């Protein structure tokens, strides 16, 4: 090779980051939001919110579901982050791949009338399968980009031999040098997190990426592989003999005793009202790092303990730990906040890397006297992604408050509105040719939407900051405050960019009064003025 090893790694770092950068930015940002998925859902369905600690009994909800879903159901129990019961079951003719869903009041078991919304689940699905695409293709694309991210992280460490020393260096208003400093700082700030979240993200999809061992050992029987490796017993068939379902609260208490006091996270009931009924109690994420399956199976009529199921092999336990690290459901409020900030740093790392490439190429294009199509395309995509995506996410939350509660297909209209706003901002970026004026306008829009969300919430919801802050309901107040803070940050970026845009004009006026400018009025820090 004509170039050295570090130069080759620098080339690899640049192109692996650039080619996957826009999808990676979206994956990081929506994944960051997904750390607060239950809180986002509760905020978006605030009229159904129930204050206070979770109700200790699950019996009212189970009784109601046994009537609604005689074939069986799964109930996600309320906990410290979710105050309502969420249930789903299969039903022929139902939408969303044959599933019905219900939200229940834990105290009464009655259905809760909340507005139709995807809630935080939308950001979560967009994070790992790009939502509108078929799940398989979306996951393959995200997996490819995650592999490019891992390559970029490793090659970036090799390339920057002074990476940790550079972390303590930031030189503002120095053009390309400032972007390099910012990129190095946010990259090293949470480097272990960046490596962990990228690698564990690939582990969560490992059976899709490398299915060959499973296909050889279990030809044509992936369910058998799943049942044996992850400890899932095959579901039985109903007997046809009616029998009352056993009370579930004693079963929850017994499962908690088996787990050393850990709470249950969900209940899966098969064939309620039949003599072959089974009640499966699954452990919740609290108090454990691993996301591995840990279930206690009871006879649904007698309440007798049948079995305890879970992942017992070392490989399965490793997978569960990796999966748990990626999801972060084990984390308490402080650790979850650190994960959130680290994920924001990862988002900034990708964004500054994209901008750094464009700044460097624009300097070269200014010297050559022409801007190529590739650079123009990158600048348009940078603007539409780095500034446009946060604006579209804020618009998604605003649409939740603006769309009529009884609108048919309301959840789909929220999602459609998100993509319509994002598509419009992509068109705007193309019309502005990715220039600084476009950055000012889109950052200003994102800032206005973020800062305006608490105001809009106060006008449309009983759970606004004037109520949630005095009551200490941080599950709802947190979203208003975080979105407003990010809106202020993006609005501040718009103001700074607007002031820098006006800088040449001020220097021209200063020249008119006889003072020589420090730099030519058409160039600033090596960049062509717009």
Protein backbone atom coordinates (compact mmCIF):
# COMPACT_ATOMS: atom_id res chain seq x y z
CA UNK A 1 0.00 0.00 0.00
CA UNK A 2 1.19 3.51 -0.80
CA UNK A 3 -0.35 4.98 2.32
CA UNK A 4 0.28 3.99 5.88
CA UNK A 5 -1.99 2.04 8.19
CA UNK A 6 -3.40 5.08 10.01
CA UNK A 7 -4.10 6.82 6.71
CA UNK A 8 -6.01 3.75 5.52
CA UNK A 9 -7.99 3.75 8.77
CA UNK A 10 -8.75 7.45 8.32
CA UNK A 11 -10.13 6.73 4.84
CA UNK A 12 -12.21 3.85 6.21
CA UNK A 13 -13.45 6.00 9.10
CA UNK A 14 -14.52 8.79 6.77
CA UNK A 15 -16.43 6.73 4.25
CA UNK A 16 -18.00 4.19 6.60
CA UNK A 17 -19.34 7.08 8.67
CA UNK A 18 -20.51 9.12 5.71
CA UNK A 19 -22.30 6.43 3.72
CA UNK A 20 -24.38 5.29 6.70
CA UNK A 21 -24.38 8.59 8.58
CA UNK A 22 -27.89 9.87 7.87
CA UNK A 23 -29.59 6.62 8.86
CA UNK A 24 -27.29 6.33 11.88
CA UNK A 25 -28.26 9.84 12.99
CA UNK A 26 -31.95 8.89 12.81
CA UNK A 27 -31.28 5.59 14.60
CA UNK A 28 -29.36 7.31 17.40
CA UNK A 29 -31.88 10.12 17.87
CA UNK A 30 -34.98 7.92 17.88
CA UNK A 31 -33.16 5.39 20.07
CA UNK A 32 -32.39 8.21 22.49
CA UNK A 33 -36.09 9.01 22.70
CA UNK A 34 -36.89 5.32 23.19
CA UNK A 35 -35.23 5.33 26.62
CA UNK A 36 -38.40 7.13 27.75
CA UNK A 37 -40.86 5.11 25.69
CA UNK A 38 -43.41 4.53 28.53
CA UNK A 39 -43.24 8.18 29.58
CA UNK A 40 -43.77 9.40 26.00
CA UNK A 41 -46.77 7.10 25.62
CA UNK A 42 -48.24 8.28 28.93
CA UNK A 43 -47.82 11.94 27.87
CA UNK A 44 -49.41 11.30 24.47
CA UNK A 45 -52.37 9.61 26.16
CA UNK A 46 -52.49 11.92 29.16
CA UNK A 47 -56.30 11.91 29.53
CA UNK A 48 -55.95 8.24 30.52
CA UNK A 49 -53.12 8.89 32.98
CA UNK A 50 -53.52 7.64 36.54
CA UNK A 51 -51.46 9.32 39.24
CA UNK A 52 -50.02 7.54 42.25
CA UNK A 53 -48.36 4.15 42.83
CA UNK A 54 -49.48 1.06 40.88
CA UNK A 55 -52.46 -0.90 42.21
CA UNK A 56 -51.23 -4.04 44.01
CA UNK A 57 -53.92 -6.36 42.59
CA UNK A 58 -54.04 -7.61 39.00
CA UNK A 59 -57.27 -9.56 39.49
CA UNK A 60 -59.71 -6.96 38.10
CA UNK A 61 -57.74 -6.70 34.87
CA UNK A 62 -57.38 -10.49 34.47
CA UNK A 63 -61.12 -11.01 35.05
CA UNK A 64 -61.98 -8.42 32.39
CA UNK A 65 -59.52 -9.86 29.89
CA UNK A 66 -60.77 -13.42 30.42
CA UNK A 67 -64.14 -12.20 29.14
CA UNK A 68 -62.70 -10.18 26.23
CA UNK A 69 -60.11 -12.72 25.08
CA UNK A 70 -61.30 -16.27 25.83
CA UNK A 71 -58.50 -17.70 23.70
CA UNK A 72 -55.77 -16.22 25.91
CA UNK A 73 -53.99 -12.92 26.42
CA UNK A 74 -50.83 -11.24 27.67
CA UNK A 75 -51.06 -8.46 30.26
CA UNK A 76 -48.22 -6.01 30.93
CA UNK A 77 -48.53 -5.05 34.58
CA UNK A 78 -48.29 -1.47 35.87
CA UNK A 79 -44.97 -0.54 37.47
CA UNK A 80 -43.03 2.53 38.51
CA UNK A 81 -43.06 3.93 34.95
CA UNK A 82 -46.42 2.74 33.61
CA UNK A 83 -49.60 3.35 35.62
CA UNK A 84 -52.04 1.43 33.41
CA UNK A 85 -52.36 -2.19 32.35
CA UNK A 86 -51.61 -2.90 28.69
CA UNK A 87 -52.92 -6.11 27.15
CA UNK A 88 -52.86 -7.75 23.73
CA UNK A 89 -54.18 -10.95 22.25
CA UNK A 90 -54.65 -12.61 18.88
CA UNK A 91 -58.01 -12.40 17.18
CA UNK A 92 -58.97 -13.31 13.65
CA UNK A 93 -59.79 -10.27 11.54
CA UNK A 94 -57.98 -7.85 13.84
CA UNK A 95 -55.62 -5.24 12.48
CA UNK A 96 -51.87 -4.98 13.05
CA UNK A 97 -51.02 -8.60 12.20
CA UNK A 98 -54.07 -10.06 13.93
CA UNK A 99 -53.58 -8.48 17.37
CA UNK A 100 -56.09 -6.66 19.52
CA UNK A 101 -54.91 -4.27 22.19
CA UNK A 102 -56.52 -2.83 25.29
CA UNK A 103 -55.61 -0.39 28.05
CA UNK A 104 -57.14 -1.14 31.43
CA UNK A 105 -57.61 0.66 34.71
CA UNK A 106 -55.76 -1.49 37.29
CA UNK A 107 -58.27 -0.67 40.04
CA UNK A 108 -61.46 -1.61 38.17
CA UNK A 109 -60.36 -3.59 35.12
CA UNK A 110 -62.42 -1.29 32.91
CA UNK A 111 -61.20 -0.22 29.49
CA UNK A 112 -59.58 3.19 29.55
CA UNK A 113 -60.80 5.57 26.84
CA UNK A 114 -57.63 7.23 25.61
CA UNK A 115 -56.85 8.81 22.29
CA UNK A 116 -55.51 6.48 19.64
CA UNK A 117 -51.74 6.92 19.33
CA UNK A 118 -48.56 4.97 18.67
CA UNK A 119 -46.92 6.86 21.50
CA UNK A 120 -43.29 6.14 22.25
CA UNK A 121 -43.58 2.86 20.37
CA UNK A 122 -43.33 4.83 17.11
CA UNK A 123 -39.83 6.10 17.92
CA UNK A 124 -38.82 2.62 19.10
CA UNK A 125 -39.96 0.95 15.85
CA UNK A 126 -38.41 3.70 13.74
CA UNK A 127 -35.16 3.17 15.64
CA UNK A 128 -34.57 -0.44 14.60
CA UNK A 129 -36.80 -1.17 11.61
CA UNK A 130 -37.44 2.24 9.98
CA UNK A 131 -41.20 1.93 10.57
CA UNK A 132 -42.75 2.15 7.09
CA UNK A 133 -40.48 -0.39 5.49
CA UNK A 134 -41.15 -4.09 5.84
CA UNK A 135 -39.70 -5.14 9.20
CA UNK A 136 -37.21 -7.50 7.56
CA UNK A 137 -35.80 -4.96 5.11
CA UNK A 138 -35.77 -2.21 7.71
CA UNK A 139 -33.82 -4.33 10.17
CA UNK A 140 -31.34 -5.38 7.50
CA UNK A 141 -30.67 -1.76 6.57
CA UNK A 142 -30.26 -0.71 10.21
CA UNK A 143 -27.99 -3.71 10.83
CA UNK A 144 -25.78 -2.79 7.86
CA UNK A 145 -25.52 0.78 9.15
CA UNK A 146 -24.74 -0.48 12.65
CA UNK A 147 -21.88 -2.56 11.22
CA UNK A 148 -20.59 0.55 9.47
CA UNK A 149 -20.85 2.37 12.79
CA UNK A 150 -18.75 -0.27 14.51
CA UNK A 151 -16.16 0.01 11.75
CA UNK A 152 -16.18 3.81 12.11
CA UNK A 153 -15.69 3.61 15.89
CA UNK A 154 -12.74 1.20 15.67
CA UNK A 155 -11.08 3.02 12.78
CA UNK A 156 -11.67 6.35 14.51
CA UNK A 157 -9.82 5.15 17.62
CA UNK A 158 -6.90 4.02 15.45
CA UNK A 159 -6.87 7.24 13.44
CA UNK A 160 -6.92 9.69 16.33
CA UNK A 161 -3.78 8.83 18.27
CA UNK A 162 -4.35 11.90 20.49
CA UNK A 163 -8.06 11.31 20.84
CA UNK A 164 -8.20 11.60 24.63
CA UNK A 165 -5.87 14.60 24.71
CA UNK A 166 -7.98 16.26 22.02
CA UNK A 167 -11.07 15.73 24.19
CA UNK A 168 -9.88 18.59 26.40
CA UNK A 169 -9.26 20.90 23.43
CA UNK A 170 -11.92 22.98 21.75
CA UNK A 171 -11.14 25.92 19.51
CA UNK A 172 -14.33 27.80 18.63
CA UNK A 173 -14.81 29.81 15.45
CA UNK A 174 -11.96 28.03 13.68
CA UNK A 175 -13.95 26.47 10.84
CA UNK A 176 -12.93 22.90 10.13
CA UNK A 177 -10.74 22.76 13.23
CA UNK A 178 -13.75 23.55 15.44
CA UNK A 179 -15.78 20.73 13.89
CA UNK A 180 -12.89 18.30 14.40
CA UNK A 181 -12.64 19.33 18.06
CA UNK A 182 -16.40 18.97 18.58
CA UNK A 183 -16.45 15.58 16.86
CA UNK A 184 -13.55 14.29 18.98
CA UNK A 185 -15.10 15.62 22.20
CA UNK A 186 -18.55 14.03 21.79
CA UNK A 187 -16.97 10.81 20.47
CA UNK A 188 -14.66 10.32 23.46
CA UNK A 189 -17.13 11.67 26.02
CA UNK A 190 -19.09 8.41 25.96
CA UNK A 191 -16.85 6.14 23.87
CA UNK A 192 -17.56 2.97 25.93
CA UNK A 193 -21.28 3.64 25.53
CA UNK A 194 -20.97 4.14 21.76
CA UNK A 195 -19.12 0.83 21.34
CA UNK A 196 -21.49 -1.01 23.69
CA UNK A 197 -24.73 0.25 22.15
CA UNK A 198 -23.54 -0.48 18.60
CA UNK A 199 -22.30 -4.00 19.31
CA UNK A 200 -25.29 -4.98 21.49
CA UNK A 201 -27.63 -3.62 18.83
CA UNK A 202 -26.17 -6.13 16.40
CA UNK A 203 -26.49 -8.89 19.01
CA UNK A 204 -30.24 -8.26 19.32
CA UNK A 205 -30.60 -9.13 15.63
CA UNK A 206 -28.00 -11.91 15.52
CA UNK A 207 -30.45 -14.66 14.53
CA UNK A 208 -31.44 -12.62 11.48
CA UNK A 209 -27.85 -11.72 10.57
CA UNK A 210 -26.31 -15.16 11.12
CA UNK A 211 -29.07 -17.80 11.06
CA UNK A 212 -26.99 -20.63 9.60
CA UNK A 213 -26.26 -22.52 12.80
CA UNK A 214 -29.95 -22.50 13.74
CA UNK A 215 -30.95 -23.61 10.24
CA UNK A 216 -28.52 -26.55 10.32
CA UNK A 217 -29.41 -27.71 13.85
CA UNK A 218 -33.18 -27.08 13.50
CA UNK A 219 -34.00 -27.40 9.78
CA UNK A 220 -37.42 -25.91 9.13
CA UNK A 221 -38.18 -25.58 12.83
CA UNK A 222 -37.17 -22.10 14.12
CA UNK A 223 -39.84 -22.31 16.82
CA UNK A 224 -38.23 -25.46 18.17
CA UNK A 225 -34.90 -23.66 18.37
CA UNK A 226 -36.50 -20.75 20.23
CA UNK A 227 -38.32 -23.04 22.66
CA UNK A 228 -35.20 -25.02 23.51
CA UNK A 229 -32.60 -22.25 23.65
CA UNK A 230 -34.70 -19.57 25.32
CA UNK A 231 -36.70 -21.88 27.55
CA UNK A 232 -40.17 -21.49 26.05
CA UNK A 233 -42.53 -24.43 26.37
CA UNK A 234 -44.87 -25.13 23.49
CA UNK A 235 -48.42 -23.95 24.15
CA UNK A 236 -50.96 -26.69 24.83
CA UNK A 237 -54.41 -27.11 23.33
CA UNK A 238 -57.70 -26.46 25.11
CA UNK A 239 -59.40 -29.53 26.57
CA UNK A 240 -62.98 -28.43 25.88
CA UNK A 241 -63.94 -28.87 29.55
CA UNK A 242 -64.95 -25.60 31.27
CA UNK A 243 -63.25 -24.71 34.56
CA UNK A 244 -62.88 -21.41 36.44
CA UNK A 245 -59.56 -19.57 36.26
CA UNK A 246 -57.56 -19.57 39.49
CA UNK A 247 -57.09 -16.21 41.29
CA UNK A 248 -53.87 -14.68 40.00
CA UNK A 249 -52.71 -12.51 42.90
CA UNK A 250 -51.48 -15.50 44.97
CA UNK A 251 -49.62 -16.73 41.87
CA UNK A 252 -47.90 -13.35 41.51
CA UNK A 253 -46.89 -13.48 45.17
CA UNK A 254 -45.50 -17.00 44.78
CA UNK A 255 -43.53 -16.06 41.66
CA UNK A 256 -42.07 -13.04 43.47
CA UNK A 257 -41.03 -15.30 46.36
CA UNK A 258 -39.26 -17.65 43.92
CA UNK A 259 -37.40 -14.66 42.45
CA UNK A 260 -36.27 -13.43 45.85
CA UNK A 261 -38.78 -10.59 46.03
CA UNK A 262 -38.46 -9.33 42.44
CA UNK A 263 -41.77 -8.17 40.93
CA UNK A 264 -43.58 -9.67 37.96
CA UNK A 265 -43.57 -7.75 34.71
CA UNK A 266 -46.32 -9.52 32.79
CA UNK A 267 -48.86 -12.34 32.88
CA UNK A 268 -49.63 -14.63 29.94
CA UNK A 269 -52.84 -16.65 30.30
CA UNK A 270 -53.70 -19.39 27.82
CA UNK A 271 -57.25 -20.81 27.48
CA UNK A 272 -58.88 -19.04 30.46
CA UNK A 273 -62.06 -20.83 31.56
CA UNK A 274 -60.81 -24.19 30.26
CA UNK A 275 -59.47 -27.12 32.26
CA UNK A 276 -56.19 -26.84 30.31
CA UNK A 277 -55.63 -23.21 31.28
CA UNK A 278 -52.08 -22.11 32.10
CA UNK A 279 -50.87 -18.95 33.81
CA UNK A 280 -47.34 -17.86 32.94
CA UNK A 281 -45.83 -15.17 35.18
CA UNK A 282 -42.76 -13.44 33.74
CA UNK A 283 -40.26 -11.50 35.77
CA UNK A 284 -39.97 -7.75 35.19
CA UNK A 285 -36.75 -5.89 34.35
CA UNK A 286 -36.34 -4.24 37.74
CA UNK A 287 -33.27 -5.21 39.70
CA UNK A 288 -31.46 -7.20 37.02
CA UNK A 289 -29.19 -6.36 34.13
CA UNK A 290 -30.11 -9.28 31.90
CA UNK A 291 -33.22 -9.28 29.77
CA UNK A 292 -33.25 -13.07 29.72
CA UNK A 293 -36.54 -14.87 30.07
CA UNK A 294 -37.45 -15.94 33.60
CA UNK A 295 -40.96 -17.39 33.88
CA UNK A 296 -42.94 -19.40 36.41
CA UNK A 297 -45.74 -21.59 35.01
CA UNK A 298 -48.86 -22.42 37.04
CA UNK A 299 -51.86 -24.61 36.41
CA UNK A 300 -54.67 -22.21 35.53
CA UNK A 301 -57.30 -24.15 37.49
CA UNK A 302 -55.56 -25.47 40.61
CA UNK A 303 -52.75 -22.90 40.88
CA UNK A 304 -50.16 -25.69 41.22
CA UNK A 305 -46.61 -24.85 40.19
CA UNK A 306 -45.81 -26.64 36.94
CA UNK A 307 -42.36 -25.42 35.97
CA UNK A 308 -39.87 -22.57 36.01
CA UNK A 309 -38.56 -21.68 32.61
CA UNK A 310 -35.71 -19.49 31.48
CA UNK A 311 -32.43 -19.30 29.67
CA UNK A 312 -29.94 -21.56 31.39
CA UNK A 313 -27.02 -21.90 28.97
CA UNK A 314 -24.06 -19.54 29.08
CA UNK A 315 -24.65 -18.40 25.49
CA UNK A 316 -28.30 -17.63 26.19
CA UNK A 317 -27.41 -15.76 29.38
CA UNK A 318 -24.81 -13.72 27.48
CA UNK A 319 -27.41 -12.86 24.84
CA UNK A 320 -29.86 -11.81 27.56
CA UNK A 321 -27.27 -9.55 29.17
CA UNK A 322 -26.35 -7.93 25.85
CA UNK A 323 -30.02 -7.41 25.06
CA UNK A 324 -30.64 -5.93 28.50
CA UNK A 325 -27.70 -3.53 28.13
CA UNK A 326 -29.02 -2.29 24.80
CA UNK A 327 -32.59 -1.70 25.98
CA UNK A 328 -31.59 -0.18 29.32
CA UNK A 329 -34.84 -1.22 31.01
CA UNK A 330 -32.94 -2.18 34.16
CA UNK A 331 -31.74 1.39 34.69
CA UNK A 332 -33.11 3.60 37.43
CA UNK A 333 -33.80 7.31 36.87
CA UNK A 334 -30.18 8.46 37.32
CA UNK A 335 -28.61 5.75 35.15
CA UNK A 336 -31.34 6.20 32.53
CA UNK A 337 -30.52 9.91 32.43
CA UNK A 338 -26.84 9.05 31.86
CA UNK A 339 -27.82 6.67 29.06
CA UNK A 340 -29.95 9.44 27.55
CA UNK A 341 -27.10 11.97 27.66
CA UNK A 342 -24.66 9.43 26.23
CA UNK A 343 -27.07 8.68 23.40
CA UNK A 344 -27.39 12.42 22.72
CA UNK A 345 -23.58 12.55 22.55
CA UNK A 346 -23.68 9.67 20.05
CA UNK A 347 -26.22 11.57 17.97
CA UNK A 348 -23.98 14.64 18.06
CA UNK A 349 -20.97 12.47 17.15
CA UNK A 350 -22.67 11.30 13.96
CA UNK A 351 -23.98 14.78 13.15
CA UNK A 352 -20.65 16.55 13.63
CA UNK A 353 -18.93 13.89 11.53
CA UNK A 354 -21.33 14.53 8.65
CA UNK A 355 -20.88 18.28 8.91
CA UNK A 356 -17.10 17.91 9.19
CA UNK A 357 -16.94 16.10 5.85
CA UNK A 358 -19.07 18.77 4.18
CA UNK A 359 -17.00 21.63 5.66
CA UNK A 360 -13.76 20.04 4.47
CA UNK A 361 -15.10 19.40 0.97
CA UNK A 362 -16.57 22.90 0.72
CA UNK A 363 -13.16 24.39 1.46
CA UNK A 364 -11.66 22.31 -1.37
CA UNK A 365 -14.57 23.25 -3.65
CA UNK A 366 -14.08 26.96 -2.88
CA UNK A 367 -10.45 26.71 -3.94
CA UNK A 368 -11.41 24.84 -7.11
CA UNK A 369 -14.15 27.36 -7.88
CA UNK A 370 -16.99 24.82 -8.24
CA UNK A 371 -19.24 22.69 -6.05
CA UNK A 372 -19.93 19.18 -7.28
CA UNK A 373 -23.22 17.31 -7.16
CA UNK A 374 -21.98 14.97 -4.41
CA UNK A 375 -21.16 17.79 -2.02
CA UNK A 376 -24.49 19.48 -2.74
CA UNK A 377 -26.37 16.26 -2.06
CA UNK A 378 -24.51 15.71 1.23
CA UNK A 379 -25.28 19.25 2.38
CA UNK A 380 -28.98 18.87 1.57
CA UNK A 381 -29.19 15.52 3.40
CA UNK A 382 -27.24 16.92 6.35
CA UNK A 383 -29.70 19.78 6.72
CA UNK A 384 -32.80 17.62 6.33
CA UNK A 385 -31.49 15.03 8.79
CA UNK A 386 -29.64 16.97 11.49
CA UNK A 387 -32.09 19.89 11.67
CA UNK A 388 -35.15 18.41 9.96
CA UNK A 389 -35.54 15.20 11.97
CA UNK A 390 -35.70 16.92 15.41
CA UNK A 391 -38.27 19.33 13.97
CA UNK A 392 -40.35 16.42 12.63
CA UNK A 393 -40.18 14.63 16.00
CA UNK A 394 -41.38 17.77 17.78
CA UNK A 395 -44.15 18.12 15.18
CA UNK A 396 -45.19 14.51 15.89
CA UNK A 397 -45.73 15.42 19.55
CA UNK A 398 -47.58 18.61 18.62
CA UNK A 399 -49.87 16.69 16.26
CA UNK A 400 -50.81 14.46 19.16
CA UNK A 401 -52.36 17.50 20.81
CA UNK A 402 -53.80 19.11 17.67
CA UNK A 403 -55.55 16.19 15.94
CA UNK A 404 -59.15 15.54 17.10
CA UNK A 405 -59.33 12.78 19.70
CA UNK A 406 -62.04 10.90 17.81
CA UNK A 407 -60.43 11.10 14.36
CA UNK A 408 -60.62 7.80 12.49
CA UNK A 409 -57.16 6.31 12.02
CA UNK A 410 -55.77 8.94 14.36
CA UNK A 411 -52.56 7.07 15.21
CA UNK A 412 -51.78 6.68 11.52
CA UNK A 413 -52.35 10.39 10.94
CA UNK A 414 -49.82 11.23 13.66
CA UNK A 415 -47.26 9.05 11.91
CA UNK A 416 -48.20 10.34 8.46
CA UNK A 417 -47.89 13.90 9.76
CA UNK A 418 -44.38 13.16 11.01
CA UNK A 419 -43.25 11.95 7.58
CA UNK A 420 -45.08 14.77 5.81
CA UNK A 421 -43.26 17.37 7.91
CA UNK A 422 -39.93 15.60 7.44
CA UNK A 423 -40.50 15.29 3.69
CA UNK A 424 -41.39 18.98 3.47
CA UNK A 425 -38.19 19.89 5.28
CA UNK A 426 -36.22 17.72 2.86
CA UNK A 427 -37.77 19.69 0.00
CA UNK A 428 -36.96 22.93 1.83
CA UNK A 429 -33.34 21.79 2.25
CA UNK A 430 -33.12 21.08 -1.47
CA UNK A 431 -34.54 24.52 -2.32
CA UNK A 432 -32.03 26.14 0.03
CA UNK A 433 -29.27 23.94 -1.43
CA UNK A 434 -28.28 22.97 2.11
CA UNK A 435 -27.05 26.52 2.74
CA UNK A 436 -26.74 28.37 6.01
CA UNK A 437 -30.07 30.13 5.60
CA UNK A 438 -31.77 26.74 5.48
CA UNK A 439 -30.00 25.70 8.71
CA UNK A 440 -31.20 28.88 10.43
CA UNK A 441 -34.79 28.34 9.33
CA UNK A 442 -35.00 24.65 10.22
CA UNK A 443 -33.25 25.04 13.56
CA UNK A 444 -35.59 27.95 14.31
CA UNK A 445 -38.61 25.79 13.45
CA UNK A 446 -37.36 22.95 15.68
CA UNK A 447 -36.71 25.44 18.48
CA UNK A 448 -40.17 27.00 18.20
CA UNK A 449 -41.88 23.62 18.18
CA UNK A 450 -39.86 22.42 21.18
CA UNK A 451 -40.40 25.57 23.24
CA UNK A 452 -44.04 25.77 22.19
CA UNK A 453 -44.90 22.18 23.15
CA UNK A 454 -45.40 22.88 26.90
CA UNK A 455 -47.60 25.86 25.97
CA UNK A 456 -49.66 23.74 23.58
CA UNK A 457 -49.92 21.04 26.22
CA UNK A 458 -51.20 23.56 28.75
CA UNK A 459 -53.93 24.64 26.31
CA UNK A 460 -55.07 21.13 25.41
CA UNK A 461 -54.41 18.82 28.38
CA UNK A 462 -55.20 18.82 32.12
CA UNK A 463 -51.72 17.41 32.81
CA UNK A 464 -49.55 20.46 32.10
CA UNK A 465 -46.53 21.80 33.96
CA UNK A 466 -48.71 23.90 36.24
CA UNK A 467 -50.19 20.64 37.54
CA UNK A 468 -47.45 18.04 37.09
CA UNK A 469 -44.62 20.01 38.72
CA UNK A 470 -46.45 20.77 42.01
CA UNK A 471 -47.76 17.19 42.11
CA UNK A 472 -44.31 15.71 41.46
CA UNK A 473 -45.55 13.77 38.40
CA UNK A 474 -42.17 13.65 36.69
CA UNK A 475 -43.33 10.98 34.25
CA UNK A 476 -45.33 13.66 32.47
CA UNK A 477 -43.46 16.82 33.43
CA UNK A 478 -40.15 15.36 32.26
CA UNK A 479 -41.17 15.28 28.60
CA UNK A 480 -42.32 18.91 28.61
CA UNK A 481 -39.08 20.00 30.26
CA UNK A 482 -36.71 17.91 28.11
CA UNK A 483 -38.37 18.90 24.83
CA UNK A 484 -38.37 22.57 25.86
CA UNK A 485 -34.68 22.37 26.81
CA UNK A 486 -33.77 20.78 23.49
CA UNK A 487 -35.92 23.36 21.73
CA UNK A 488 -34.00 26.13 23.47
CA UNK A 489 -30.72 24.51 22.40
CA UNK A 490 -31.80 24.28 18.76
CA UNK A 491 -33.24 27.79 18.83
CA UNK A 492 -29.95 29.06 20.24
CA UNK A 493 -28.14 27.32 17.38
CA UNK A 494 -30.41 29.15 14.92
CA UNK A 495 -29.61 32.52 16.55
CA UNK A 496 -25.86 31.86 16.49
CA UNK A 497 -25.97 30.83 12.84
CA UNK A 498 -28.05 33.89 11.94
CA UNK A 499 -25.52 36.18 13.63
CA UNK A 500 -22.63 34.52 11.81
CA UNK A 501 -24.57 34.93 8.58
CA UNK A 502 -24.69 38.67 9.16
CA UNK A 503 -20.97 38.90 9.97
CA UNK A 504 -19.75 39.78 6.44
CA UNK A 505 -22.28 42.61 6.17
CA UNK A 506 -21.03 44.15 9.42
CA UNK A 507 -17.45 43.91 8.19
CA UNK A 508 -18.41 45.59 4.92
CA UNK A 509 -19.93 48.47 6.86
CA UNK A 510 -16.78 48.67 8.98
CA UNK A 511 -14.68 48.88 5.80
CA UNK A 512 -16.85 51.78 4.61
CA UNK A 513 -15.72 53.71 7.69
CA UNK A 514 -12.05 53.13 6.90
CA UNK A 515 -11.22 50.04 8.98
CA UNK A 516 -9.59 47.06 7.28
CA UNK A 517 -11.27 43.70 7.86
CA UNK A 518 -9.43 40.89 9.58
CA UNK A 519 -10.38 38.51 6.75
CA UNK A 520 -11.66 39.05 3.23
CA UNK A 521 -15.42 39.73 3.29
CA UNK A 522 -16.14 36.76 1.03
CA UNK A 523 -14.19 34.23 3.09
CA UNK A 524 -14.31 33.26 6.75
CA UNK A 525 -12.12 30.60 8.40
CA UNK A 526 -11.36 29.13 5.01
CA UNK A 527 -15.05 28.78 4.05
CA UNK A 528 -16.89 30.52 1.24
CA UNK A 529 -19.43 32.98 2.63
CA UNK A 530 -22.99 32.47 1.51
